[in-house]
Amino acid sequence: MKRFLCCLALLLFALAVHAQDYAANIASLIDPAKLATLKSRGANPRIQKCVYWLAEAKAAGEKTDKVAGQAVIQAGYTKEAAALTKAALLRNLDIAAKLGCLDAEGLAKMRHGGSPTVRKGPYAGDIASVDHIIPRAVVPELDNVIANLELLPLKLNESKNSKVGDRQRDMAKRFHAAGLLSEAGLKAVEAH
């Protein structure tokens, strides 16, 4: 019995370390200090890579909620900024699944920051691009903020332009409250 418990403890430790490995890979991609040094749209391939790592974690039996939570904490996010960033990571995994992008070819592209082909729905055959929820033309400071980025078929993304609606205004308030958006940025969204 003692030997069984030791083996079980080692297995649980190995699983916990495995979850930490996925989280560490994601944390390095979403680190706010690194994101701040990127050029325009520099975080876009990082979204693809995060989706890849979350999909890999899920395939390995890990709870993606836990992996994403560990990643945002390791990256230094706190409170509402952590919650918004974690939600964005999980939302992007969900979007990729709904678009049929999590096949072997799609995952191979996303692992390297590429755009997978949409396999399901009305945009099948298009590529999954990274969209700015609040357009960068309206608030450039959100260009590389993970919580502001989500996967969207390219044709749909291109048709969106710089439109600001209720969702964008609501997100701007939440980003501002979380410290992800300045007062000036909030006013720019509200005035648009």
C-alpha atoms as a PDB file:
ATOM      1  CA  MET A   1       0.000   0.000   0.000  1.00  0.00           C
ATOM      2  CA  LYS A   2       2.836   2.366   0.874  1.00  0.00           C
ATOM      3  CA  ARG A   3       4.457   1.707  -2.500  1.00  0.00           C
ATOM      4  CA  PHE A   4       1.150   2.380  -4.265  1.00  0.00           C
ATOM      5  CA  LEU A   5       0.758   5.706  -2.455  1.00  0.00           C
ATOM      6  CA  CYS A   6       4.325   6.695  -3.394  1.00  0.00           C
ATOM      7  CA  CYS A   7       3.646   5.873  -7.048  1.00  0.00           C
ATOM      8  CA  LEU A   8       0.393   7.802  -6.924  1.00  0.00           C
ATOM      9  CA  ALA A   9       2.127  10.805  -5.351  1.00  0.00           C
ATOM     10  CA  LEU A  10       4.819  10.739  -8.053  1.00  0.00           C
ATOM     11  CA  LEU A  11       2.179  10.516 -10.779  1.00  0.00           C
ATOM     12  CA  LEU A  12       0.235  13.466  -9.330  1.00  0.00           C
ATOM     13  CA  PHE A  13       3.459  15.458  -9.039  1.00  0.00           C
ATOM     14  CA  ALA A  14       4.338  14.673 -12.670  1.00  0.00           C
ATOM     15  CA  LEU A  15       0.871  15.798 -13.785  1.00  0.00           C
ATOM     16  CA  ALA A  16       1.163  19.030 -11.812  1.00  0.00           C
ATOM     17  CA  VAL A  17       4.578  19.710 -13.321  1.00  0.00           C
ATOM     18  CA  HIS A  18       3.138  19.006 -16.775  1.00  0.00           C
ATOM     19  CA  ALA A  19       0.358  21.587 -16.243  1.00  0.00           C
ATOM     20  CA  GLN A  20       3.003  24.063 -15.079  1.00  0.00           C
ATOM     21  CA  ASP A  21       4.974  23.483 -18.299  1.00  0.00           C
ATOM     22  CA  TYR A  22       1.971  24.432 -20.447  1.00  0.00           C
ATOM     23  CA  ALA A  23       1.284  27.436 -18.249  1.00  0.00           C
ATOM     24  CA  ALA A  24       4.923  28.536 -18.418  1.00  0.00           C
ATOM     25  CA  ASN A  25       4.887  28.361 -22.222  1.00  0.00           C
ATOM     26  CA  ILE A  26       1.781  30.546 -22.315  1.00  0.00           C
ATOM     27  CA  ALA A  27       3.048  32.916 -19.612  1.00  0.00           C
ATOM     28  CA  SER A  28       6.121  33.742 -21.674  1.00  0.00           C
ATOM     29  CA  LEU A  29       3.852  34.651 -24.602  1.00  0.00           C
ATOM     30  CA  ILE A  30       1.530  36.924 -22.603  1.00  0.00           C
ATOM     31  CA  ASP A  31       4.068  38.641 -20.343  1.00  0.00           C
ATOM     32  CA  PRO A  32       2.990  42.324 -20.286  1.00  0.00           C
ATOM     33  CA  ALA A  33       6.613  43.548 -20.207  1.00  0.00           C
ATOM     34  CA  LYS A  34       7.401  41.587 -23.378  1.00  0.00           C
ATOM     35  CA  LEU A  35       4.151  42.639 -25.053  1.00  0.00           C
ATOM     36  CA  ALA A  36       5.010  46.300 -24.416  1.00  0.00           C
ATOM     37  CA  THR A  37       8.163  45.943 -26.532  1.00  0.00           C
ATOM     38  CA  LEU A  38       6.388  44.538 -29.601  1.00  0.00           C
ATOM     39  CA  LYS A  39       5.720  46.417 -32.798  1.00  0.00           C
ATOM     40  CA  SER A  40       2.233  46.905 -34.209  1.00  0.00           C
ATOM     41  CA  ARG A  41       0.243  43.660 -34.258  1.00  0.00           C
ATOM     42  CA  GLY A  42       3.192  41.900 -32.638  1.00  0.00           C
ATOM     43  CA  ALA A  43       0.960  39.983 -30.241  1.00  0.00           C
ATOM     44  CA  ASN A  44      -1.143  38.465 -33.024  1.00  0.00           C
ATOM     45  CA  PRO A  45       1.048  35.381 -33.546  1.00  0.00           C
ATOM     46  CA  ARG A  46       1.240  34.986 -29.784  1.00  0.00           C
ATOM     47  CA  ILE A  47      -2.529  34.470 -29.671  1.00  0.00           C
ATOM     48  CA  GLN A  48      -2.159  31.623 -32.172  1.00  0.00           C
ATOM     49  CA  LYS A  49       0.643  30.089 -30.090  1.00  0.00           C
ATOM     50  CA  CYS A  50      -1.401  30.382 -26.878  1.00  0.00           C
ATOM     51  CA  VAL A  51      -4.279  28.538 -28.534  1.00  0.00           C
ATOM     52  CA  TYR A  52      -1.838  25.830 -29.608  1.00  0.00           C
ATOM     53  CA  TRP A  53      -0.504  25.369 -26.057  1.00  0.00           C
ATOM     54  CA  LEU A  54      -3.997  25.318 -24.547  1.00  0.00           C
ATOM     55  CA  ALA A  55      -5.118  22.751 -27.135  1.00  0.00           C
ATOM     56  CA  GLU A  56      -2.072  20.624 -26.336  1.00  0.00           C
ATOM     57  CA  ALA A  57      -2.798  20.877 -22.620  1.00  0.00           C
ATOM     58  CA  LYS A  58      -6.399  19.818 -23.208  1.00  0.00           C
ATOM     59  CA  ALA A  59      -5.290  16.881 -25.380  1.00  0.00           C
ATOM     60  CA  ALA A  60      -2.981  15.790 -22.555  1.00  0.00           C
ATOM     61  CA  GLY A  61      -5.911  15.755 -20.134  1.00  0.00           C
ATOM     62  CA  GLU A  62      -5.156  19.053 -18.433  1.00  0.00           C
ATOM     63  CA  LYS A  63      -7.918  21.437 -17.413  1.00  0.00           C
ATOM     64  CA  THR A  64      -7.526  24.454 -19.678  1.00  0.00           C
ATOM     65  CA  ASP A  65      -9.117  26.716 -17.079  1.00  0.00           C
ATOM     66  CA  LYS A  66      -6.387  25.757 -14.623  1.00  0.00           C
ATOM     67  CA  VAL A  67      -3.573  26.087 -17.183  1.00  0.00           C
ATOM     68  CA  ALA A  68      -4.782  29.523 -18.318  1.00  0.00           C
ATOM     69  CA  GLY A  69      -5.167  30.624 -14.691  1.00  0.00           C
ATOM     70  CA  GLN A  70      -1.632  29.551 -13.846  1.00  0.00           C
ATOM     71  CA  ALA A  71      -0.304  31.266 -16.981  1.00  0.00           C
ATOM     72  CA  VAL A  72      -1.789  34.666 -16.179  1.00  0.00           C
ATOM     73  CA  ILE A  73      -0.508  34.499 -12.612  1.00  0.00           C
ATOM     74  CA  GLN A  74       2.980  33.491 -13.784  1.00  0.00           C
ATOM     75  CA  ALA A  75       2.921  36.368 -16.295  1.00  0.00           C
ATOM     76  CA  GLY A  76       2.202  38.819 -13.470  1.00  0.00           C
ATOM     77  CA  TYR A  77      -1.432  39.704 -14.091  1.00  0.00           C
ATOM     78  CA  THR A  78      -3.561  40.376 -11.028  1.00  0.00           C
ATOM     79  CA  LYS A  79      -7.207  40.901 -10.172  1.00  0.00           C
ATOM     80  CA  GLU A  80      -9.457  41.978 -13.047  1.00  0.00           C
ATOM     81  CA  ALA A  81      -6.584  42.141 -15.571  1.00  0.00           C
ATOM     82  CA  ALA A  82      -5.882  38.476 -14.800  1.00  0.00           C
ATOM     83  CA  ALA A  83      -9.556  37.551 -15.158  1.00  0.00           C
ATOM     84  CA  LEU A  84      -9.910  39.380 -18.494  1.00  0.00           C
ATOM     85  CA  THR A  85      -6.699  37.882 -19.883  1.00  0.00           C
ATOM     86  CA  LYS A  86      -7.606  34.366 -18.773  1.00  0.00           C
ATOM     87  CA  ALA A  87     -11.079  34.759 -20.296  1.00  0.00           C
ATOM     88  CA  ALA A  88      -9.534  35.888 -23.598  1.00  0.00           C
ATOM     89  CA  LEU A  89      -7.216  32.874 -23.698  1.00  0.00           C
ATOM     90  CA  LEU A  90     -10.085  30.454 -23.099  1.00  0.00           C
ATOM     91  CA  ARG A  91     -12.372  32.312 -25.521  1.00  0.00           C
ATOM     92  CA  ASN A  92      -9.762  32.000 -28.271  1.00  0.00           C
ATOM     93  CA  LEU A  93      -9.427  28.262 -27.684  1.00  0.00           C
ATOM     94  CA  ASP A  94     -13.218  27.958 -27.898  1.00  0.00           C
ATOM     95  CA  ILE A  95     -13.370  30.048 -31.079  1.00  0.00           C
ATOM     96  CA  ALA A  96     -10.617  27.961 -32.692  1.00  0.00           C
ATOM     97  CA  ALA A  97     -12.536  24.783 -31.859  1.00  0.00           C
ATOM     98  CA  LYS A  98     -15.815  26.155 -33.238  1.00  0.00           C
ATOM     99  CA  LEU A  99     -14.062  27.250 -36.443  1.00  0.00           C
ATOM    100  CA  GLY A 100     -12.549  23.773 -36.828  1.00  0.00           C
ATOM    101  CA  CYS A 101      -8.991  25.066 -36.549  1.00  0.00           C
ATOM    102  CA  LEU A 102      -7.749  22.478 -34.077  1.00  0.00           C
ATOM    103  CA  ASP A 103      -6.957  19.783 -36.620  1.00  0.00           C
ATOM    104  CA  ALA A 104      -3.349  18.629 -37.082  1.00  0.00           C
ATOM    105  CA  GLU A 105      -2.665  21.135 -39.867  1.00  0.00           C
ATOM    106  CA  GLY A 106      -4.184  24.039 -37.925  1.00  0.00           C
ATOM    107  CA  LEU A 107      -2.296  23.192 -34.759  1.00  0.00           C
ATOM    108  CA  ALA A 108       0.971  22.947 -36.706  1.00  0.00           C
ATOM    109  CA  LYS A 109       0.402  26.461 -38.078  1.00  0.00           C
ATOM    110  CA  MET A 110      -0.607  27.913 -34.714  1.00  0.00           C
ATOM    111  CA  ARG A 111       2.389  26.381 -32.969  1.00  0.00           C
ATOM    112  CA  HIS A 112       4.540  28.699 -35.090  1.00  0.00           C
ATOM    113  CA  GLY A 113       2.198  31.692 -34.810  1.00  0.00           C
ATOM    114  CA  GLY A 114       0.527  31.122 -38.172  1.00  0.00           C
ATOM    115  CA  SER A 115      -3.113  31.424 -39.131  1.00  0.00           C
ATOM    116  CA  PRO A 116      -4.989  28.138 -39.493  1.00  0.00           C
ATOM    117  CA  THR A 117      -7.656  27.476 -42.091  1.00  0.00           C
ATOM    118  CA  VAL A 118     -11.269  27.702 -40.938  1.00  0.00           C
ATOM    119  CA  ARG A 119     -12.809  24.247 -41.473  1.00  0.00           C
ATOM    120  CA  LYS A 120     -16.347  24.760 -40.140  1.00  0.00           C
ATOM    121  CA  GLY A 121     -19.179  27.198 -40.663  1.00  0.00           C
ATOM    122  CA  PRO A 122     -19.950  29.848 -43.255  1.00  0.00           C
ATOM    123  CA  TYR A 123     -16.326  30.998 -43.432  1.00  0.00           C
ATOM    124  CA  ALA A 124     -14.859  27.547 -44.158  1.00  0.00           C
ATOM    125  CA  GLY A 125     -11.788  27.920 -46.356  1.00  0.00           C
ATOM    126  CA  ASP A 126     -10.909  31.361 -44.958  1.00  0.00           C
ATOM    127  CA  ILE A 127      -8.094  31.808 -42.451  1.00  0.00           C
ATOM    128  CA  ALA A 128      -8.512  32.559 -38.761  1.00  0.00           C
ATOM    129  CA  SER A 129      -6.958  35.969 -38.212  1.00  0.00           C
ATOM    130  CA  VAL A 130      -6.498  37.877 -34.979  1.00  0.00           C
ATOM    131  CA  ASP A 131      -8.979  40.694 -34.457  1.00  0.00           C
ATOM    132  CA  HIS A 132      -8.777  43.665 -32.109  1.00  0.00           C
ATOM    133  CA  ILE A 133     -12.075  43.778 -30.209  1.00  0.00           C
ATOM    134  CA  ILE A 134     -11.568  47.504 -29.693  1.00  0.00           C
ATOM    135  CA  PRO A 135     -10.028  48.613 -32.989  1.00  0.00           C
ATOM    136  CA  ARG A 136      -6.408  49.685 -32.879  1.00  0.00           C
ATOM    137  CA  ALA A 137      -7.343  52.657 -35.071  1.00  0.00           C
ATOM    138  CA  VAL A 138      -9.497  53.918 -32.179  1.00  0.00           C
ATOM    139  CA  VAL A 139      -7.188  53.000 -29.283  1.00  0.00           C
ATOM    140  CA  PRO A 140      -3.636  52.103 -30.390  1.00  0.00           C
ATOM    141  CA  GLU A 141      -2.591  51.401 -26.779  1.00  0.00           C
ATOM    142  CA  LEU A 142      -4.650  48.164 -26.875  1.00  0.00           C
ATOM    143  CA  ASP A 143      -2.811  46.865 -29.942  1.00  0.00           C
ATOM    144  CA  ASN A 144      -0.880  44.179 -28.042  1.00  0.00           C
ATOM    145  CA  VAL A 145      -3.162  43.656 -25.045  1.00  0.00           C
ATOM    146  CA  ILE A 146      -4.096  39.964 -24.946  1.00  0.00           C
ATOM    147  CA  ALA A 147      -7.559  40.631 -23.493  1.00  0.00           C
ATOM    148  CA  ASN A 148      -8.355  42.754 -26.576  1.00  0.00           C
ATOM    149  CA  LEU A 149      -7.430  40.082 -29.129  1.00  0.00           C
ATOM    150  CA  GLU A 150      -9.555  37.264 -30.497  1.00  0.00           C
ATOM    151  CA  LEU A 151      -9.661  34.908 -33.443  1.00  0.00           C
ATOM    152  CA  LEU A 152     -12.007  35.796 -36.281  1.00  0.00           C
ATOM    153  CA  PRO A 153     -12.285  34.662 -39.897  1.00  0.00           C
ATOM    154  CA  LEU A 154     -10.263  37.102 -42.017  1.00  0.00           C
ATOM    155  CA  LYS A 155     -13.171  38.171 -44.241  1.00  0.00           C
ATOM    156  CA  LEU A 156     -15.288  38.964 -41.195  1.00  0.00           C
ATOM    157  CA  ASN A 157     -12.378  40.795 -39.574  1.00  0.00           C
ATOM    158  CA  GLU A 158     -11.802  42.907 -42.692  1.00  0.00           C
ATOM    159  CA  SER A 159     -15.489  43.831 -42.910  1.00  0.00           C
ATOM    160  CA  LYS A 160     -15.497  45.013 -39.295  1.00  0.00           C
ATOM    161  CA  ASN A 161     -13.200  48.003 -39.915  1.00  0.00           C
ATOM    162  CA  SER A 162     -13.036  50.453 -36.992  1.00  0.00           C
ATOM    163  CA  LYS A 163     -16.581  50.074 -35.765  1.00  0.00           C
ATOM    164  CA  VAL A 164     -17.349  50.655 -32.111  1.00  0.00           C
ATOM    165  CA  GLY A 165     -20.537  49.238 -30.672  1.00  0.00           C
ATOM    166  CA  ASP A 166     -21.924  48.275 -27.306  1.00  0.00           C
ATOM    167  CA  ARG A 167     -19.485  45.384 -26.896  1.00  0.00           C
ATOM    168  CA  GLN A 168     -16.473  47.634 -27.493  1.00  0.00           C
ATOM    169  CA  ARG A 169     -17.764  50.323 -25.101  1.00  0.00           C
ATOM    170  CA  ASP A 170     -18.435  47.695 -22.417  1.00  0.00           C
ATOM    171  CA  MET A 171     -14.999  46.136 -22.899  1.00  0.00           C
ATOM    172  CA  ALA A 172     -13.342  49.572 -22.757  1.00  0.00           C
ATOM    173  CA  LYS A 173     -14.925  50.190 -19.347  1.00  0.00           C
ATOM    174  CA  ARG A 174     -13.776  46.795 -18.119  1.00  0.00           C
ATOM    175  CA  PHE A 175     -10.255  47.290 -19.515  1.00  0.00           C
ATOM    176  CA  HIS A 176     -10.046  50.716 -17.877  1.00  0.00           C
ATOM    177  CA  ALA A 177     -11.218  49.363 -14.498  1.00  0.00           C
ATOM    178  CA  ALA A 178      -8.598  46.602 -14.793  1.00  0.00           C
ATOM    179  CA  GLY A 179      -5.779  49.055 -15.552  1.00  0.00           C
ATOM    180  CA  LEU A 180      -5.378  47.828 -19.132  1.00  0.00           C
ATOM    181  CA  LEU A 181      -6.691  51.052 -20.712  1.00  0.00           C
ATOM    182  CA  SER A 182      -5.929  54.665 -19.883  1.00  0.00           C
ATOM    183  CA  GLU A 183      -8.530  57.331 -19.172  1.00  0.00           C
ATOM    184  CA  ALA A 184      -7.740  58.906 -22.553  1.00  0.00           C
ATOM    185  CA  GLY A 185      -8.263  55.553 -24.265  1.00  0.00           C
ATOM    186  CA  LEU A 186     -11.605  55.088 -22.536  1.00  0.00           C
ATOM    187  CA  LYS A 187     -12.710  58.549 -23.660  1.00  0.00           C
ATOM    188  CA  ALA A 188     -11.629  57.795 -27.236  1.00  0.00           C
ATOM    189  CA  VAL A 189     -13.858  54.708 -27.313  1.00  0.00           C
ATOM    190  CA  GLU A 190     -16.777  56.548 -25.736  1.00  0.00           C
ATOM    191  CA  ALA A 191     -16.431  59.422 -28.208  1.00  0.00           C
ATOM    192  CA  HIS A 192     -16.219  57.162 -31.254  1.00  0.00           C
END
